[in-house]
Amino acid sequence: MKVRDLYPLVTTPALFAARDFYVRHFGFEVIFEASWFVYLSGRGEDGARGATIAFMHPDHPSNPPGPESFGGLGLIITIEVSDVASAFEALRAQGAPVIHPLTDEDWGQRRFMTRDPAGLLIDVVEQTAPAPGFWERYPAPAG
């Protein structure tokens, strides 16, 4: 099997506010939109289609799945960028909520967190060098 795409589909009554959030703050483009469904795509550094995400209204006409809305717990979307400090300043200036401040993590990331209108926690990261010896404390399991 060759997977052509993989994306989260979040059921929320705030699908158009979520659309506007990703378009405004992360430069996503609307690939497809209907009254009950929105499909978005970012662009990679080479201009090709990048990460994708979709939002569906709880009153959608498709079955299954059921119409239950995402409750905001247990899911983090990670968006990797090349300059997280610039992304942090831009999102903060645009009024996006800051849930976790810009932080340098010992495991090798500089990151901050925001939350979209659907309740998704978004971890915006830039890969950095880990602190010396950090990963040696967490060896891979055998087998």
Protein backbone atom coordinates (compact mmCIF):
# COMPACT_ATOMS: atom_id res chain seq x y z
CA MET A 1 0.00 0.00 0.00
CA LYS A 2 1.26 3.48 -0.85
CA VAL A 3 -0.15 6.18 1.39
CA ARG A 4 -0.83 9.38 -0.55
CA ASP A 5 -1.73 11.56 2.43
CA LEU A 6 -2.46 11.37 6.13
CA TYR A 7 -4.21 14.14 8.01
CA PRO A 8 -6.26 14.66 11.15
CA LEU A 9 -9.96 15.30 10.60
CA VAL A 10 -11.26 17.29 13.56
CA THR A 11 -15.00 17.46 14.19
CA THR A 12 -15.88 20.93 15.52
CA PRO A 13 -18.58 23.55 15.16
CA ALA A 14 -15.69 26.07 14.85
CA LEU A 15 -14.46 24.74 11.49
CA PHE A 16 -14.46 28.14 9.77
CA ALA A 17 -12.73 29.87 12.69
CA ALA A 18 -10.16 27.04 12.62
CA ARG A 19 -9.76 27.54 8.85
CA ASP A 20 -9.12 31.25 9.37
CA PHE A 21 -6.63 30.51 12.18
CA TYR A 22 -4.45 28.22 10.03
CA VAL A 23 -4.67 30.49 6.98
CA ARG A 24 -3.75 33.59 8.99
CA HIS A 25 -1.13 32.24 11.35
CA PHE A 26 0.49 29.41 9.35
CA GLY A 27 -0.14 30.37 5.72
CA PHE A 28 -2.28 27.31 4.95
CA GLU A 29 -4.40 27.32 1.80
CA VAL A 30 -7.97 26.11 1.45
CA ILE A 31 -7.85 23.04 -0.82
CA PHE A 32 -11.54 22.16 -0.52
CA GLU A 33 -14.41 23.75 1.35
CA ALA A 34 -18.11 23.02 1.76
CA SER A 35 -20.70 24.10 4.32
CA TRP A 36 -19.70 21.23 6.64
CA PHE A 37 -16.07 20.42 5.68
CA VAL A 38 -12.79 22.32 5.24
CA TYR A 39 -9.53 20.78 3.97
CA LEU A 40 -6.33 22.86 4.32
CA SER A 41 -2.74 22.48 3.19
CA GLY A 42 0.48 24.22 4.05
CA ARG A 43 3.39 24.65 1.68
CA GLY A 44 6.83 23.15 2.19
CA GLU A 45 9.97 25.22 1.89
CA ASP A 46 10.24 24.05 -1.73
CA GLY A 47 6.71 25.31 -2.49
CA ALA A 48 5.21 21.83 -2.79
CA ARG A 49 2.10 20.87 -0.85
CA GLY A 50 3.02 20.23 2.75
CA ALA A 51 1.12 19.36 5.91
CA THR A 52 -2.64 18.97 5.69
CA ILE A 53 -5.50 19.16 8.18
CA ALA A 54 -9.29 19.02 7.84
CA PHE A 55 -12.23 20.18 9.93
CA MET A 56 -15.78 18.84 9.84
CA HIS A 57 -18.96 20.23 11.41
CA PRO A 58 -20.74 17.93 13.91
CA ASP A 59 -23.87 18.12 11.73
CA HIS A 60 -22.04 16.59 8.77
CA PRO A 61 -23.98 14.34 6.37
CA SER A 62 -21.39 11.52 6.24
CA ASN A 63 -21.76 8.35 8.28
CA PRO A 64 -19.81 6.87 9.96
CA PRO A 65 -18.20 8.37 12.03
CA GLY A 66 -20.59 9.82 14.53
CA PRO A 67 -21.09 13.54 14.97
CA GLU A 68 -19.22 13.87 18.26
CA SER A 69 -17.08 17.02 18.51
CA PHE A 70 -13.45 17.07 19.56
CA GLY A 71 -13.25 17.91 23.27
CA GLY A 72 -9.82 19.53 23.29
CA LEU A 73 -7.97 16.88 25.33
CA GLY A 74 -5.42 14.25 24.43
CA LEU A 75 -4.15 15.57 21.10
CA ILE A 76 -1.25 17.83 20.19
CA ILE A 77 -0.50 18.90 16.62
CA THR A 78 3.20 19.62 16.09
CA ILE A 79 4.20 22.10 13.41
CA GLU A 80 7.93 22.21 12.68
CA VAL A 81 9.28 25.50 11.36
CA SER A 82 12.77 26.72 10.48
CA ASP A 83 12.62 29.86 12.68
CA VAL A 84 10.41 29.37 15.73
CA ALA A 85 11.34 32.72 17.30
CA SER A 86 9.98 34.58 14.26
CA ALA A 87 6.87 32.38 14.26
CA PHE A 88 6.34 33.11 17.95
CA GLU A 89 6.61 36.87 17.46
CA ALA A 90 4.31 36.80 14.43
CA LEU A 91 1.60 34.73 16.11
CA ARG A 92 1.77 36.79 19.29
CA ALA A 93 1.53 40.04 17.28
CA GLN A 94 -1.48 38.61 15.40
CA GLY A 95 -3.27 37.85 18.67
CA ALA A 96 -2.98 34.06 18.73
CA PRO A 97 -3.14 32.68 22.27
CA VAL A 98 0.18 31.64 23.81
CA ILE A 99 -0.40 28.53 25.93
CA HIS A 100 3.31 27.78 26.57
CA PRO A 101 6.02 30.44 26.11
CA LEU A 102 8.98 30.20 23.76
CA THR A 103 11.24 27.70 25.52
CA ASP A 104 14.53 25.92 24.80
CA GLU A 105 14.09 22.25 25.71
CA ASP A 106 16.94 19.97 26.75
CA TRP A 107 15.78 17.22 24.35
CA GLY A 108 16.63 19.39 21.35
CA GLN A 109 13.76 21.69 20.50
CA ARG A 110 12.95 25.35 20.79
CA ARG A 111 9.19 25.65 20.96
CA PHE A 112 6.00 27.37 22.03
CA MET A 113 2.37 26.30 22.12
CA THR A 114 -0.87 27.88 20.96
CA ARG A 115 -4.46 26.61 20.72
CA ASP A 116 -6.71 26.80 17.67
CA PRO A 117 -10.44 27.64 17.76
CA ALA A 118 -11.34 23.91 17.59
CA GLY A 119 -9.41 23.32 20.83
CA LEU A 120 -6.35 21.63 19.30
CA LEU A 121 -3.13 22.29 21.18
CA ILE A 122 -0.44 23.26 18.66
CA ASP A 123 3.24 22.77 19.48
CA VAL A 124 5.33 24.95 17.15
CA VAL A 125 8.91 23.65 17.15
CA GLU A 126 12.36 24.19 15.70
CA GLN A 127 14.83 21.34 16.03
CA THR A 128 18.00 22.23 17.96
CA ALA A 129 20.93 20.32 19.42
CA PRO A 130 19.99 18.41 22.57
CA ALA A 131 21.78 19.14 25.82
CA PRO A 132 24.89 16.96 26.18
CA GLY A 133 23.96 13.58 27.64
CA PHE A 134 20.20 14.19 27.60
CA TRP A 135 19.22 11.23 25.40
CA GLU A 136 21.69 8.85 27.05
CA ARG A 137 19.35 8.87 30.08
CA TYR A 138 16.57 7.43 27.89
CA PRO A 139 17.94 4.43 26.00
CA ALA A 140 15.79 2.80 23.34
CA PRO A 141 14.00 -0.32 24.60
CA ALA A 142 15.52 -3.66 23.66
CA GLY A 143 13.80 -5.77 21.06
